[in-house]
Amino acid sequence: MVLTSIGKRFVYVSILFMTLSMVLPWESLSDYTYLESAGIMMNIIPAIIFVFAVALVILKPLAEFFNRLGTNYTFLLLCLLNAIVLYFGMQYYPDTYTIGYILFPSSVIAFMLGAVFSVKRINGLQN
């Protein structure tokens, strides 16, 4: 899947969102220490899966390999990976919803918007 310029912007914003969600607190700091409430302690595995999904579209050799399989398969693989990320990453329900907690699903949504804007149709035709 070759990203368009709009798709690249969405993907880079999603990387920024995911990074911020890992370092910003997910819980109110009044009851917990910073490390107890940071998203990185709760979502290291979903973040690794997210990094793999991003690598599928950003790293040129990997993107070209999956592009040979077809854009539709790459797109479906990205949907599956990001569904797993959201499922495992959103299992934690904080008492107070902070910006770190909101940025986690926002990063997946921004990433998928970048993928959607990069393909016109699921059959592989590019914009």
Protein backbone atom coordinates (compact mmCIF):
# COMPACT_ATOMS: atom_id res chain seq x y z
CA MET A 1 0.00 0.00 0.00
CA VAL A 2 1.57 3.25 -1.13
CA LEU A 3 0.57 6.19 1.03
CA THR A 4 -0.55 9.42 -0.57
CA SER A 5 0.64 12.72 0.91
CA ILE A 6 -2.60 13.05 2.87
CA GLY A 7 -2.28 9.46 4.05
CA LYS A 8 1.28 10.10 5.22
CA ARG A 9 0.16 13.10 7.27
CA PHE A 10 -2.50 11.01 9.00
CA VAL A 11 -0.03 8.22 9.73
CA TYR A 12 2.59 10.60 11.15
CA VAL A 13 -0.06 12.27 13.33
CA SER A 14 -1.14 8.83 14.53
CA ILE A 15 2.45 8.03 15.54
CA LEU A 16 2.56 11.27 17.51
CA PHE A 17 -0.80 10.46 19.16
CA MET A 18 0.37 6.96 20.13
CA THR A 19 3.62 8.31 21.56
CA LEU A 20 1.78 10.91 23.60
CA SER A 21 -0.75 8.35 24.81
CA MET A 22 2.11 6.25 26.13
CA VAL A 23 3.69 9.06 28.15
CA LEU A 24 0.68 11.07 29.28
CA PRO A 25 -1.27 9.81 32.29
CA TRP A 26 -4.40 7.74 31.79
CA GLU A 27 -5.56 8.20 35.34
CA SER A 28 -5.85 11.12 37.71
CA LEU A 29 -2.50 11.82 39.34
CA SER A 30 -4.18 12.66 42.64
CA ASP A 31 -4.63 8.98 43.51
CA TYR A 32 -1.64 7.37 41.79
CA THR A 33 1.98 8.04 41.01
CA TYR A 34 2.90 9.04 37.48
CA LEU A 35 4.26 5.60 36.61
CA GLU A 36 1.13 3.88 37.93
CA SER A 37 -1.10 5.99 35.73
CA ALA A 38 0.98 6.18 32.53
CA GLY A 39 -0.32 4.41 29.47
CA ILE A 40 2.99 2.69 28.71
CA MET A 41 2.56 0.30 31.63
CA MET A 42 -0.87 -0.76 30.38
CA ASN A 43 -0.37 -0.89 26.64
CA ILE A 44 3.11 -1.99 25.72
CA ILE A 45 1.91 -5.02 23.70
CA PRO A 46 -0.78 -3.12 21.74
CA ALA A 47 1.78 -0.38 21.09
CA ILE A 48 4.20 -2.95 19.64
CA ILE A 49 1.43 -4.29 17.38
CA PHE A 50 0.65 -0.70 16.34
CA VAL A 51 4.31 -0.12 15.48
CA PHE A 52 4.24 -3.25 13.29
CA ALA A 53 1.12 -1.95 11.51
CA VAL A 54 2.80 1.41 10.92
CA ALA A 55 5.92 -0.34 9.63
CA LEU A 56 3.77 -2.10 7.01
CA VAL A 57 3.01 1.22 5.36
CA ILE A 58 6.05 3.38 6.18
CA LEU A 59 9.07 1.13 5.66
CA LYS A 60 9.55 0.99 1.91
CA PRO A 61 10.87 -2.60 1.54
CA LEU A 62 8.15 -4.00 3.78
CA ALA A 63 5.48 -1.89 2.08
CA GLU A 64 6.59 -3.06 -1.36
CA PHE A 65 6.54 -6.70 -0.25
CA PHE A 66 2.99 -6.45 1.04
CA ASN A 67 2.00 -4.37 -2.00
CA ARG A 68 2.83 -7.41 -4.17
CA LEU A 69 0.27 -9.42 -2.24
CA GLY A 70 -2.35 -6.81 -3.08
CA THR A 71 -3.60 -3.66 -1.46
CA ASN A 72 -6.82 -5.35 -0.39
CA TYR A 73 -4.92 -7.94 1.68
CA THR A 74 -2.69 -5.29 3.20
CA PHE A 75 -5.71 -3.16 4.06
CA LEU A 76 -7.51 -6.11 5.67
CA LEU A 77 -4.35 -6.99 7.63
CA LEU A 78 -4.13 -3.40 8.88
CA CYS A 79 -7.78 -3.50 9.93
CA LEU A 80 -7.20 -6.74 11.82
CA LEU A 81 -4.05 -5.49 13.55
CA ASN A 82 -5.68 -2.25 14.61
CA ALA A 83 -8.78 -4.07 15.86
CA ILE A 84 -6.47 -6.18 18.06
CA VAL A 85 -4.71 -3.02 19.25
CA LEU A 86 -8.01 -1.40 20.20
CA TYR A 87 -9.37 -4.53 21.86
CA PHE A 88 -6.35 -5.11 24.09
CA GLY A 89 -5.49 -1.45 24.58
CA MET A 90 -8.92 -0.33 25.70
CA GLN A 91 -9.44 -3.03 28.35
CA TYR A 92 -8.39 -0.55 31.02
CA TYR A 93 -11.21 1.67 32.25
CA PRO A 94 -9.90 4.63 34.25
CA ASP A 95 -12.03 6.46 36.77
CA THR A 96 -11.28 9.77 35.08
CA TYR A 97 -10.77 9.95 31.34
CA THR A 98 -7.61 11.88 30.64
CA ILE A 99 -5.96 13.01 27.42
CA GLY A 100 -3.65 9.97 27.42
CA TYR A 101 -6.62 7.61 27.45
CA ILE A 102 -8.37 9.53 24.66
CA LEU A 103 -5.24 9.69 22.47
CA PHE A 104 -4.86 5.91 22.34
CA PRO A 105 -7.96 5.18 20.19
CA SER A 106 -7.45 8.49 18.37
CA SER A 107 -4.07 7.25 17.14
CA VAL A 108 -5.65 4.12 15.65
CA ILE A 109 -8.44 6.16 14.05
CA ALA A 110 -5.96 8.64 12.53
CA PHE A 111 -3.84 5.76 11.24
CA MET A 112 -6.81 4.07 9.58
CA LEU A 113 -7.94 7.37 8.06
CA GLY A 114 -4.49 7.62 6.47
CA ALA A 115 -4.90 4.13 5.05
CA VAL A 116 -8.41 4.88 3.81
CA PHE A 117 -7.32 8.11 2.12
CA SER A 118 -4.49 6.22 0.41
CA VAL A 119 -6.74 3.75 -1.38
CA LYS A 120 -9.67 4.74 -3.52
CA ARG A 121 -11.18 1.27 -3.54
CA ILE A 122 -10.51 -1.92 -1.68
CA ASN A 123 -9.51 -3.62 -4.97
CA GLY A 124 -6.18 -1.81 -4.96
CA LEU A 125 -6.66 1.19 -7.23
CA GLN A 126 -4.64 4.13 -5.93
CA ASN A 127 -5.81 7.75 -5.72
